[in-house]
Protein backbone atom coordinates (compact mmCIF):
# COMPACT_ATOMS: atom_id res chain seq x y z
CA MET A 1 -2.36 32.28 6.95
CA LYS A 2 0.08 32.33 10.60
CA ILE A 3 3.87 30.92 10.71
CA VAL A 4 4.46 28.90 13.84
CA SER A 5 6.66 26.69 15.64
CA ALA A 6 5.52 23.06 15.81
CA ALA A 7 4.89 22.90 19.72
CA GLN A 8 2.50 26.53 18.33
CA ALA A 9 0.75 23.98 16.04
CA ALA A 10 0.15 21.26 18.29
CA SER A 11 -1.33 23.76 20.94
CA ALA A 12 -4.21 24.29 18.12
CA VAL A 13 -5.02 20.29 18.26
CA PRO A 14 -8.42 20.27 20.97
CA ASN A 15 -8.76 17.37 22.92
CA GLY A 16 -10.98 14.80 21.32
CA ALA A 17 -10.83 16.25 17.36
CA THR A 18 -10.94 14.35 14.65
CA VAL A 19 -7.44 14.42 13.05
CA ALA A 20 -6.49 13.73 9.47
CA VAL A 21 -2.56 13.03 8.66
CA SER A 22 -1.57 12.66 5.06
CA GLY A 23 2.05 10.95 4.43
CA SER A 24 3.09 7.40 3.04
CA CYS A 25 5.43 4.66 4.57
CA ALA A 26 8.32 6.11 7.04
CA VAL A 27 8.42 10.05 6.02
CA SER A 28 7.26 10.56 2.60
CA VAL A 29 5.00 13.30 2.40
CA LEU A 30 4.62 12.93 6.13
CA ALA A 31 4.43 16.00 8.65
CA ASP A 32 6.67 14.49 11.49
CA HIS A 33 8.15 17.47 12.93
CA VAL A 34 4.31 18.68 14.11
CA LEU A 35 3.69 15.03 14.93
CA ALA A 36 6.73 14.61 17.25
CA ALA A 37 5.36 17.66 19.02
CA LEU A 38 2.10 16.30 18.93
CA GLU A 39 3.06 13.59 20.96
CA LYS A 40 5.42 15.78 23.64
CA SER A 41 2.58 17.79 24.56
CA PHE A 42 0.62 14.18 24.82
CA LEU A 43 3.49 13.03 27.33
CA GLU A 44 3.83 16.22 28.72
CA LYS A 45 0.31 17.85 29.64
CA ALA A 46 -1.80 14.55 28.22
CA GLU A 47 -3.56 16.37 25.68
CA PRO A 48 -4.02 16.79 23.00
CA CYS A 49 -6.34 13.35 24.25
CA GLY A 50 -8.90 11.37 22.90
CA LEU A 51 -8.34 12.05 19.23
CA THR A 52 -10.11 10.08 16.17
CA VAL A 53 -7.02 9.91 13.80
CA PHE A 54 -8.11 9.10 10.18
CA HIS A 55 -5.03 8.50 7.94
CA PRO A 56 -5.30 7.07 4.59
CA GLN A 57 -1.89 5.65 3.97
CA GLY A 58 0.56 3.59 6.29
CA MET A 59 2.97 5.77 8.49
CA GLY A 60 6.24 5.41 10.06
CA ASP A 61 9.21 3.62 9.97
CA LYS A 62 8.25 0.89 12.19
CA ASP A 63 9.49 2.29 15.12
CA THR A 64 9.23 6.39 16.64
CA TRP A 65 7.89 7.89 13.42
CA GLY A 66 4.58 8.81 11.83
CA MET A 67 1.43 7.25 13.30
CA SER A 68 3.92 5.69 16.82
CA ARG A 69 4.10 9.45 17.61
CA PHE A 70 0.24 8.93 18.37
CA ALA A 71 0.96 5.33 20.18
CA HIS A 72 -0.15 6.31 23.53
CA LYS A 73 -2.87 5.33 25.91
CA GLY A 74 -5.07 7.63 26.12
CA MET A 75 -3.80 9.58 23.06
CA CYS A 76 -6.48 8.31 20.78
CA LYS A 77 -9.81 6.62 20.96
CA ARG A 78 -9.88 5.95 17.51
CA VAL A 79 -7.94 4.95 14.72
CA ILE A 80 -9.14 4.62 11.20
CA GLY A 81 -6.18 3.30 8.92
CA GLY A 82 -5.47 2.57 5.70
CA HIS A 83 -2.74 0.88 6.51
CA TRP A 84 -1.36 -0.43 10.26
CA GLY A 85 1.67 -2.26 9.36
CA MET A 86 4.51 0.57 9.74
CA SER A 87 3.61 1.64 13.35
CA PRO A 88 3.31 -1.61 15.35
CA LYS A 89 3.18 0.17 18.42
CA MET A 90 -0.18 1.65 17.09
CA GLY A 91 -0.92 -2.40 16.14
CA ARG A 92 0.01 -3.47 19.99
CA LEU A 93 -2.99 -0.58 21.12
CA ALA A 94 -5.02 -2.24 18.58
CA VAL A 95 -4.60 -5.84 19.95
CA GLU A 96 -5.08 -4.50 23.83
CA GLU A 97 -8.44 -2.73 22.85
CA ALA A 98 -6.91 0.33 23.85
CA VAL A 99 -8.37 2.24 20.99
CA GLU A 100 -11.56 1.85 18.43
CA ALA A 101 -9.25 0.12 15.23
CA TYR A 102 -10.78 0.31 12.30
CA ASN A 103 -9.08 -0.26 8.49
CA MET A 104 -10.34 1.02 5.20
CA PRO A 105 -9.05 0.47 1.36
CA GLN A 106 -6.37 3.39 1.29
CA GLY A 107 -7.59 4.20 -2.24
CA VAL A 108 -10.96 4.92 -0.78
CA MET A 109 -10.27 6.88 2.30
CA SER A 110 -8.23 9.26 -0.15
CA GLN A 111 -11.65 9.35 -2.33
CA MET A 112 -13.69 9.91 1.07
CA LEU A 113 -11.45 12.70 1.78
CA ARG A 114 -12.87 14.38 -1.24
CA SER A 115 -16.46 13.22 -1.02
CA MET A 116 -16.32 15.00 2.45
CA ALA A 117 -14.99 18.40 1.48
CA ALA A 118 -18.07 18.81 -1.17
CA HIS A 119 -20.35 17.38 2.10
CA GLY A 120 -20.83 14.52 -0.13
CA PRO A 121 -22.36 11.27 1.10
CA GLY A 122 -19.13 9.57 1.71
CA VAL A 123 -17.89 7.36 -0.88
CA ILE A 124 -20.49 4.65 -3.19
CA THR A 125 -18.35 2.20 -4.48
CA LYS A 126 -17.87 -1.62 -5.27
CA ILE A 127 -14.63 -1.69 -3.73
CA GLY A 128 -14.20 -3.89 -0.69
CA LEU A 129 -17.47 -6.08 -1.49
CA ASP A 130 -16.92 -9.67 -0.24
CA THR A 131 -13.91 -8.70 1.56
CA PHE A 132 -13.65 -8.19 5.50
CA ILE A 133 -14.18 -4.86 4.97
CA ASP A 134 -17.97 -5.65 3.32
CA PRO A 135 -20.06 -5.32 6.77
CA ARG A 136 -21.58 -8.83 6.37
CA GLN A 137 -18.16 -9.95 7.23
CA GLU A 138 -16.38 -7.19 9.76
CA GLY A 139 -17.16 -4.05 8.38
CA GLY A 140 -13.41 -3.20 8.37
CA LYS A 141 -13.65 -3.59 12.20
CA MET A 142 -9.74 -4.89 13.50
CA ASN A 143 -11.00 -5.28 17.14
CA ALA A 144 -14.15 -5.53 19.43
CA SER A 145 -13.48 -2.19 20.62
CA ALA A 146 -14.67 -0.88 17.04
CA LYS A 147 -18.32 -0.77 17.95
CA GLU A 148 -20.03 1.74 15.15
CA ASP A 149 -20.57 0.79 11.69
CA LEU A 150 -18.93 2.78 9.75
CA ILE A 151 -19.91 1.50 6.24
CA GLU A 152 -23.26 -0.06 5.01
CA LEU A 153 -24.21 -2.07 2.38
CA VAL A 154 -26.58 -0.42 -0.12
CA GLU A 155 -28.73 -1.35 -2.95
CA ILE A 156 -28.57 0.91 -5.79
CA GLY A 157 -30.42 -0.16 -9.27
CA GLY A 158 -30.55 -3.68 -8.03
CA GLU A 159 -26.49 -3.74 -7.71
CA GLU A 160 -24.84 -3.80 -4.12
CA TRP A 161 -22.51 -1.40 -3.26
CA LEU A 162 -20.33 -0.24 -0.02
CA ARG A 163 -21.36 3.27 1.11
CA PHE A 164 -18.38 4.51 3.72
CA LYS A 165 -19.50 6.95 5.68
CA PRO A 166 -18.09 10.52 5.97
CA VAL A 167 -15.62 11.19 8.73
CA PRO A 168 -16.00 15.29 9.53
CA ILE A 169 -12.27 16.14 10.07
CA ASP A 170 -11.63 18.99 12.88
CA VAL A 171 -8.12 19.26 11.74
CA ALA A 172 -5.97 18.31 8.69
CA ILE A 173 -1.76 17.93 8.84
CA ILE A 174 -0.60 17.81 5.56
CA ARG A 175 3.01 18.67 4.01
CA GLY A 176 4.60 20.28 1.32
CA THR A 177 8.16 21.45 0.27
CA SER A 178 7.48 25.73 0.24
CA ALA A 179 5.06 27.99 1.28
CA ASP A 180 4.89 31.27 -0.07
CA GLU A 181 3.84 34.51 2.23
CA ASP A 182 -0.01 33.94 1.56
CA GLY A 183 0.05 30.27 2.47
CA TYR A 184 0.30 28.76 -0.78
CA ILE A 185 1.99 25.32 -1.04
CA SER A 186 4.01 24.03 -3.88
CA PHE A 187 5.02 20.50 -3.74
CA GLU A 188 8.39 20.79 -5.88
CA GLU A 189 10.60 18.17 -3.88
CA GLU A 190 7.56 15.87 -3.07
CA VAL A 191 7.95 12.31 -4.19
CA HIS A 192 3.81 12.39 -4.27
CA TYR A 193 0.74 14.50 -4.02
CA ASP A 194 -0.84 12.34 -1.88
CA GLU A 195 -4.59 13.82 -0.80
CA ALA A 196 -3.35 16.89 0.61
CA VAL A 197 -5.92 19.62 -1.21
CA SER A 198 -8.93 17.34 -0.48
CA MET A 199 -7.66 16.47 3.13
CA ALA A 200 -7.28 20.13 3.49
CA ALA A 201 -10.73 20.81 2.48
CA ALA A 202 -12.73 18.49 4.27
CA ALA A 203 -11.01 20.22 7.28
CA LYS A 204 -11.78 24.00 5.97
CA ASN A 205 -15.42 23.24 5.00
CA ASN A 206 -16.17 21.66 8.28
CA GLY A 207 -15.03 24.49 10.01
CA GLY A 208 -11.65 22.99 11.54
CA ILE A 209 -8.15 23.90 10.75
CA VAL A 210 -5.19 23.03 8.52
CA ILE A 211 -1.54 22.47 9.91
CA CYS A 212 1.33 22.66 6.88
CA GLN A 213 4.74 21.46 7.49
CA VAL A 214 7.06 23.22 4.88
CA LYS A 215 10.96 22.92 4.41
CA TYR A 216 11.06 26.57 2.64
CA LEU A 217 9.71 30.23 3.31
CA VAL A 218 9.20 32.16 0.02
CA LYS A 219 8.29 34.95 -1.28
CA ASN A 220 4.75 35.54 -3.43
CA GLY A 221 6.03 34.45 -7.44
CA CYS A 222 8.75 32.32 -6.43
CA MET A 223 6.69 29.22 -7.05
CA GLU A 224 6.12 27.33 -9.89
CA LEU A 225 2.69 27.05 -10.69
CA SER A 226 2.49 23.86 -11.78
CA LYS A 227 4.11 22.44 -8.58
CA VAL A 228 1.26 24.51 -6.24
CA ARG A 229 -0.96 21.78 -4.74
CA VAL A 230 -2.84 23.55 -2.24
CA PRO A 231 -4.20 27.21 -1.79
CA GLY A 232 -3.06 29.20 0.64
CA TYR A 233 -6.93 30.09 1.59
CA LEU A 234 -7.06 26.47 2.97
CA VAL A 235 -3.99 26.84 5.59
CA ASP A 236 -4.38 28.14 8.88
CA TYR A 237 -0.81 27.42 10.05
CA VAL A 238 2.17 26.59 8.35
CA VAL A 239 5.47 25.31 10.36
CA VAL A 240 9.13 25.22 8.62
CA ASP A 241 11.50 22.17 9.36
CA PRO A 242 14.36 23.07 7.58
CA GLU A 243 15.65 18.93 8.28
CA GLN A 244 12.57 18.06 6.65
CA LYS A 245 14.03 14.79 4.82
CA GLN A 246 12.13 14.28 1.23
CA SER A 247 12.25 10.02 1.93
CA HIS A 248 13.71 7.99 4.71
CA ASP A 249 16.52 7.25 2.68
CA TYR A 250 17.32 10.88 1.37
CA PHE A 251 17.19 14.01 2.40
CA TYR A 252 16.99 14.93 -1.22
CA ARG A 253 17.35 12.89 -4.30
CA PRO A 254 15.65 14.69 -7.55
CA ALA A 255 15.26 11.61 -9.73
CA TYR A 256 12.24 11.17 -6.73
CA CYS A 257 10.09 13.89 -7.82
CA GLY A 258 11.32 14.43 -11.48
CA ALA A 259 13.53 16.73 -11.32
CA SER A 260 16.11 15.09 -12.60
CA VAL A 261 16.21 11.37 -14.89
CA GLU A 262 18.94 8.97 -13.84
CA PRO A 263 20.17 5.81 -15.21
CA VAL A 264 18.39 2.70 -14.65
CA THR A 265 20.87 0.41 -12.91
CA LEU A 266 18.78 -1.37 -10.31
CA LYS A 267 20.91 -4.90 -9.52
CA TRP A 268 19.60 -7.47 -7.20
CA PRO A 269 21.23 -7.37 -3.17
CA SER A 270 23.07 -10.17 -3.73
CA ASN A 271 24.75 -12.54 -6.12
CA ALA A 272 23.06 -15.42 -4.98
CA LEU A 273 19.81 -16.62 -6.77
CA ASP A 274 17.62 -16.90 -3.00
CA GLU A 275 14.02 -17.63 -3.36
CA ARG A 276 12.60 -14.16 -3.73
CA LYS A 277 14.62 -13.40 -6.75
CA PHE A 278 13.34 -16.85 -8.01
CA ILE A 279 9.91 -15.89 -7.35
CA ALA A 280 10.10 -11.83 -8.66
CA ARG A 281 11.69 -13.77 -11.76
CA ARG A 282 8.65 -16.24 -12.17
CA GLN A 283 6.49 -12.85 -11.55
CA ALA A 284 7.80 -11.28 -14.19
CA MET A 285 7.13 -14.12 -16.52
CA GLU A 286 3.42 -13.27 -16.17
CA LEU A 287 3.29 -10.05 -17.53
CA ARG A 288 3.35 -8.48 -21.36
CA PRO A 289 4.72 -5.33 -23.18
CA GLY A 290 2.85 -3.04 -23.25
CA MET A 291 0.73 -3.60 -19.91
CA LEU A 292 0.59 -0.76 -16.88
CA VAL A 293 1.29 -2.75 -13.97
CA ASN A 294 0.81 -1.90 -10.55
CA ILE A 295 3.93 -3.53 -7.75
CA GLY A 296 2.92 -3.94 -3.98
CA VAL A 297 5.53 -5.24 -1.70
CA GLY A 298 7.29 -7.77 -0.01
CA VAL A 299 8.59 -10.37 -2.33
CA SER A 300 6.56 -8.39 -5.33
CA ASN A 301 8.63 -5.07 -5.00
CA GLY A 302 11.57 -7.27 -6.66
CA VAL A 303 9.82 -7.46 -9.79
CA PRO A 304 11.01 -3.70 -10.83
CA VAL A 305 14.30 -4.86 -10.30
CA ILE A 306 14.12 -8.25 -12.38
CA LEU A 307 12.78 -5.72 -14.85
CA ALA A 308 15.75 -4.11 -15.18
CA GLU A 309 18.06 -6.38 -15.04
CA GLU A 310 16.56 -7.75 -18.01
CA GLY A 311 16.63 -4.69 -19.59
CA CYS A 312 13.11 -4.37 -20.22
CA TRP A 313 11.88 -2.31 -17.78
CA ASP A 314 10.69 0.43 -20.33
CA GLN A 315 8.35 -2.12 -22.22
CA ILE A 316 5.90 -1.86 -19.11
CA THR A 317 4.15 1.30 -17.51
CA LEU A 318 4.73 0.75 -13.74
CA SER A 319 2.45 2.24 -11.38
CA LEU A 320 2.03 3.22 -7.67
CA GLU A 321 -1.04 3.95 -5.99
CA GLN A 322 0.39 6.40 -4.61
CA GLY A 323 -0.33 8.99 -7.85
CA GLN A 324 3.38 7.90 -9.59
CA SER A 325 3.86 5.95 -12.82
CA GLY A 326 6.33 5.80 -15.41
CA GLY A 327 9.25 5.48 -13.45
CA ILE A 328 10.96 2.17 -10.92
CA PRO A 329 9.27 1.61 -7.58
CA VAL A 330 11.57 1.61 -5.13
CA MET A 331 12.19 -1.02 -2.17
CA GLY A 332 12.70 -0.85 1.59
CA LEU A 333 11.18 1.73 3.99
CA ASP A 334 11.54 3.95 0.76
CA ALA A 335 8.58 1.73 -0.65
CA GLY A 336 5.96 4.24 -2.26
CA VAL A 337 8.35 6.44 -3.76
CA MET A 338 9.36 5.94 -7.48
CA LEU A 339 12.65 6.79 -9.26
CA ASN A 340 12.25 8.51 -12.49
CA PRO A 341 8.26 9.21 -12.42
CA ARG A 342 7.24 10.39 -15.76
CA VAL A 343 3.83 11.73 -14.12
CA ILE A 344 2.21 12.27 -10.40
CA VAL A 345 -1.10 12.69 -10.37
CA GLU A 346 -2.93 13.20 -6.75
CA GLN A 347 -4.29 9.75 -4.62
CA PRO A 348 -7.64 10.12 -5.46
CA VAL A 349 -7.36 10.46 -8.98
CA GLN A 350 -4.85 7.49 -9.16
CA HIS A 351 -7.72 5.39 -7.69
CA ASP A 352 -9.95 6.00 -9.83
CA MET A 353 -8.48 4.78 -12.36
CA TYR A 354 -7.44 1.88 -10.41
CA HIS A 355 -11.16 1.41 -9.31
CA GLY A 356 -12.20 1.63 -12.78
CA GLY A 357 -10.24 -1.53 -14.31
CA ILE A 358 -7.55 0.59 -15.75
CA LEU A 359 -4.33 -1.60 -14.56
CA ASP A 360 -3.42 -4.75 -17.04
CA ALA A 361 -1.90 -6.53 -14.32
CA THR A 362 -0.34 -6.38 -10.50
CA CYS A 363 2.23 -7.90 -8.52
CA LEU A 364 0.98 -8.96 -5.00
CA SER A 365 1.88 -10.78 -2.15
CA ALA A 366 -0.35 -13.35 -0.34
CA ALA A 367 0.49 -14.29 3.72
CA GLU A 368 -2.62 -16.82 3.96
CA THR A 369 -4.66 -18.90 0.57
CA ASP A 370 -7.37 -21.10 1.23
CA PHE A 371 -8.93 -23.24 -2.01
CA TYR A 372 -11.09 -21.04 -3.14
CA GLY A 373 -8.20 -18.47 -3.40
CA ASN A 374 -9.28 -16.11 -0.79
CA VAL A 375 -6.25 -14.23 0.30
CA ASN A 376 -5.34 -12.44 3.63
CA VAL A 377 -2.16 -9.95 4.16
CA SER A 378 -4.43 -7.80 6.42
CA LYS A 379 -4.03 -9.83 10.04
CA LEU A 380 -2.04 -11.94 10.81
CA GLY A 381 -2.74 -13.67 14.42
CA LYS A 382 -2.82 -11.01 16.85
CA SER A 383 -1.40 -8.53 14.29
CA VAL A 384 -3.19 -5.58 12.56
CA THR A 385 -1.50 -4.96 9.19
CA GLY A 386 -4.49 -3.84 7.25
CA CYS A 387 -5.21 -3.93 3.75
CA GLY A 388 -3.54 -0.53 2.83
CA GLY A 389 -4.22 -0.21 -1.04
CA PHE A 390 -4.37 -4.16 -1.63
CA ILE A 391 -7.89 -4.03 -1.95
CA ASP A 392 -8.28 -1.01 -4.29
CA ILE A 393 -5.42 -2.18 -6.36
CA SER A 394 -6.30 -5.94 -6.72
CA GLN A 395 -10.78 -5.92 -7.52
CA GLU A 396 -10.43 -4.65 -10.50
CA THR A 397 -6.87 -5.47 -12.14
CA LYS A 398 -7.21 -7.77 -14.95
CA ARG A 399 -4.36 -9.65 -14.10
CA ILE A 400 -3.16 -11.00 -10.41
CA VAL A 401 -0.04 -12.27 -10.29
CA PHE A 402 0.44 -13.27 -5.98
CA GLY A 403 3.94 -13.84 -4.59
CA GLY A 404 5.73 -15.55 -1.74
CA THR A 405 7.12 -18.69 -0.18
CA LEU A 406 4.92 -21.41 -0.08
CA CYS A 407 5.42 -21.91 3.89
CA ALA A 408 6.91 -19.10 6.31
CA LYS A 409 9.86 -19.49 7.54
CA SER A 410 11.24 -22.35 5.24
CA LYS A 411 14.38 -22.87 3.74
CA VAL A 412 15.41 -23.77 0.06
CA LYS A 413 18.79 -24.39 -2.26
CA ILE A 414 17.87 -22.90 -5.52
CA GLU A 415 21.28 -24.29 -7.79
CA GLY A 416 22.25 -26.61 -10.27
CA GLY A 417 18.99 -25.94 -12.35
CA LYS A 418 16.24 -27.40 -9.20
CA VAL A 419 14.52 -26.10 -5.70
CA THR A 420 16.09 -28.41 -2.84
CA VAL A 421 14.47 -27.66 0.37
CA LEU A 422 16.24 -27.62 3.46
CA GLU A 423 13.48 -26.79 6.03
CA GLN A 424 9.60 -26.94 5.34
CA GLY A 425 8.66 -24.23 7.11
CA THR A 426 7.22 -23.41 10.32
CA ILE A 427 3.89 -21.86 9.29
CA ARG A 428 1.29 -22.82 7.01
CA LYS A 429 0.46 -20.40 4.01
CA PHE A 430 -2.05 -22.56 2.27
CA VAL A 431 -4.86 -22.99 5.16
CA ASN A 432 -8.22 -24.30 5.13
CA LYS A 433 -9.53 -21.34 6.47
CA VAL A 434 -8.14 -17.46 5.93
CA GLN A 435 -8.28 -15.33 9.12
CA GLN A 436 -9.52 -12.10 6.94
CA VAL A 437 -10.14 -11.83 3.02
CA THR A 438 -8.54 -9.00 1.73
CA PHE A 439 -8.99 -10.43 -2.00
CA SER A 440 -11.87 -12.66 -3.01
CA GLY A 441 -11.40 -15.90 -4.80
CA ARG A 442 -14.90 -16.38 -5.79
CA ARG A 443 -15.74 -12.26 -6.74
CA ALA A 444 -12.30 -12.40 -9.11
CA VAL A 445 -13.39 -16.22 -10.76
CA ALA A 446 -16.47 -14.29 -11.59
CA ALA A 447 -15.40 -11.65 -12.89
CA GLY A 448 -13.00 -14.15 -15.46
CA LYS A 449 -9.92 -12.62 -14.12
CA LYS A 450 -6.29 -14.50 -14.42
CA VAL A 451 -4.74 -15.22 -11.00
CA VAL A 452 -2.33 -16.78 -10.00
CA PHE A 453 -0.10 -17.77 -7.04
CA ILE A 454 4.00 -18.22 -7.41
CA THR A 455 5.80 -19.76 -4.97
CA GLU A 456 10.05 -21.29 -5.04
CA ARG A 457 8.48 -24.44 -5.22
CA CYS A 458 5.67 -24.36 -7.32
CA VAL A 459 2.73 -22.04 -9.73
CA PHE A 460 -0.66 -22.34 -9.15
CA GLU A 461 -3.70 -20.46 -11.30
CA LEU A 462 -7.05 -20.03 -9.66
CA ARG A 463 -10.06 -21.81 -11.74
CA LYS A 464 -13.52 -22.49 -11.57
CA GLY A 465 -13.26 -26.09 -9.30
CA GLY A 466 -10.57 -24.26 -6.90
CA LEU A 467 -6.53 -23.92 -6.71
CA THR A 468 -5.15 -25.46 -9.37
CA LEU A 469 -1.57 -26.56 -9.57
CA VAL A 470 -0.15 -26.41 -13.02
CA GLU A 471 3.81 -25.72 -12.50
CA ILE A 472 6.37 -27.23 -10.02
CA ALA A 473 9.92 -26.50 -9.79
CA PRO A 474 12.50 -29.36 -10.66
CA GLY A 475 13.91 -30.85 -7.61
CA ILE A 476 10.57 -30.63 -5.40
CA ASP A 477 8.94 -33.92 -4.15
CA LEU A 478 4.94 -33.17 -5.00
CA GLU A 479 3.77 -34.97 -2.21
CA LYS A 480 6.39 -34.23 0.50
CA ASP A 481 7.28 -30.57 -0.19
CA ILE A 482 3.60 -29.75 -1.64
CA LEU A 483 0.81 -31.65 -0.71
CA ALA A 484 2.05 -32.46 2.80
CA GLN A 485 3.07 -28.44 3.78
CA MET A 486 -0.74 -27.10 2.78
CA ASP A 487 -3.45 -27.78 5.10
CA TYR A 488 -6.19 -28.76 1.40
CA LYS A 489 -5.36 -30.65 -1.10
CA PRO A 490 -4.98 -28.77 -4.55
CA LEU A 491 -6.94 -29.63 -7.80
CA ILE A 492 -3.70 -31.08 -10.48
CA SER A 493 -3.67 -30.09 -13.72
CA PRO A 494 -3.49 -33.06 -16.58
CA ASP A 495 -0.88 -31.28 -18.10
CA LEU A 496 1.30 -30.10 -14.72
CA LYS A 497 4.19 -28.71 -16.28
CA GLU A 498 8.18 -28.24 -14.91
CA MET A 499 8.73 -24.10 -14.14
CA PRO A 500 11.03 -22.74 -16.96
CA ALA A 501 14.65 -23.40 -17.28
CA GLU A 502 15.06 -20.14 -17.57
CA LEU A 503 14.82 -19.00 -14.10
CA PHE A 504 17.92 -20.73 -12.62
CA SER A 505 19.92 -18.39 -14.91
CA ASP A 506 23.45 -17.19 -13.04
CA GLY A 507 22.39 -13.93 -15.43
CA PRO A 508 19.86 -12.39 -17.26
CA MET A 509 16.80 -14.91 -18.18
CA GLY A 510 16.21 -13.50 -21.62
CA LEU A 511 12.92 -12.41 -20.58
CA LYS A 512 12.18 -10.68 -24.01
CA GLU A 513 12.52 -13.89 -25.38
CA ILE A 514 10.11 -15.79 -23.40
CA TRP A 515 7.46 -12.89 -23.69
CA ALA A 516 7.76 -13.45 -27.13
CA ARG A 517 7.43 -17.32 -27.13
CA ALA A 518 4.50 -16.47 -24.79
CA ASP A 519 2.61 -14.69 -27.40
CA ALA A 520 3.28 -16.82 -30.21
């Protein structure tokens, strides 16, 4: 192991290398000091160039950090990403056909690294079947430049599976908190562990190199053994960045990594009852005490705040795909972080459990939905967002609760126990055909899952016959405010009900009592 500067580490990355990068959302567990040096080297010397970048998670602040460091024409030949949305600059290169753009499920990508470390055949899984990941649809290709088939359909024991082919890694760029004199890496201040050890092993066993960024250098024997996640024999170069931030919003917050426990005092950002809070409240009603629940981004990210306001967040175990469970997921650019986690496991292990159906429910967002319950969140117009952990989470979960406004850019007023539409919205979200299938409604119906779509105007359930309207908000006109704003006419339940009156409460709505009545 050598201690080097970020510039020296960048010089060790050869042209044409396949580079795996660990990190999540804005800056968490992201070696951005090293990535900035790579960017500087390319802008000044035009190298390293022609890279293939493999990153399981979305990384960046939607501006300059993370994958945006690679977003320069000629720097990358190919990008294989779990989520693209945190770097609009890289997304634009994909749209311009300046890179070969691929998207794969975040959890599968983390498991691919583990398989590659063992020289395995890749990952063979059902995750992604009947979605745009399936080679019978798009095979995870996000633009015309992506021509190579990285995913194939195989049959084993008379059943269909997807094989995600290995992507041999030349350079792994990971991050921890501390490195000792022999290069052992501990994660005591990190919000999760990502797939760092699998990524390092995948590179090392391929004859490649491992670069690790840390905040501290310590002597041997000074690190808590339980926090050491990467052995020194996997690490070639250590780069020290004393300014390394734990997350986008905090240099260091002990409750983000389990070093302390904070009181849970979450409150909705405003006192007004807006559509986001209204939808998150109705999503929370679909949960039950004792459930293990994953929380997604977007509107659904407000569900933990509702649970906290209702004083019952601890009756449900909340979980994040990055590896944390038992605490409260955080909103904003710190998404992917959990306050007061009770356990943190490595990301491939978390997805072993998710793929096996351990989750009781998940609250997710939906951008486009068709009559058959197919959902698109991965590609809208020319915007390349990617699926992230959406497919990993949703495919095998027992209850899927989607949330989002009926139309994009709409405006409503919620007061006096009713919803009034002020502006209908300019973009329809319930469409005849989704641009990409990120969630297969047909597959969910065949598996007998409960799938609910919650908007600020109404609630739909996915049934065998198709999308079915089951609740309508007081004040909403069925024809004008719902049916006229959809590309298709949904089925309408013969016992169509009004959305619960408790949703309009100025204070806590009594979620514990609502759950009790639902189970009675």
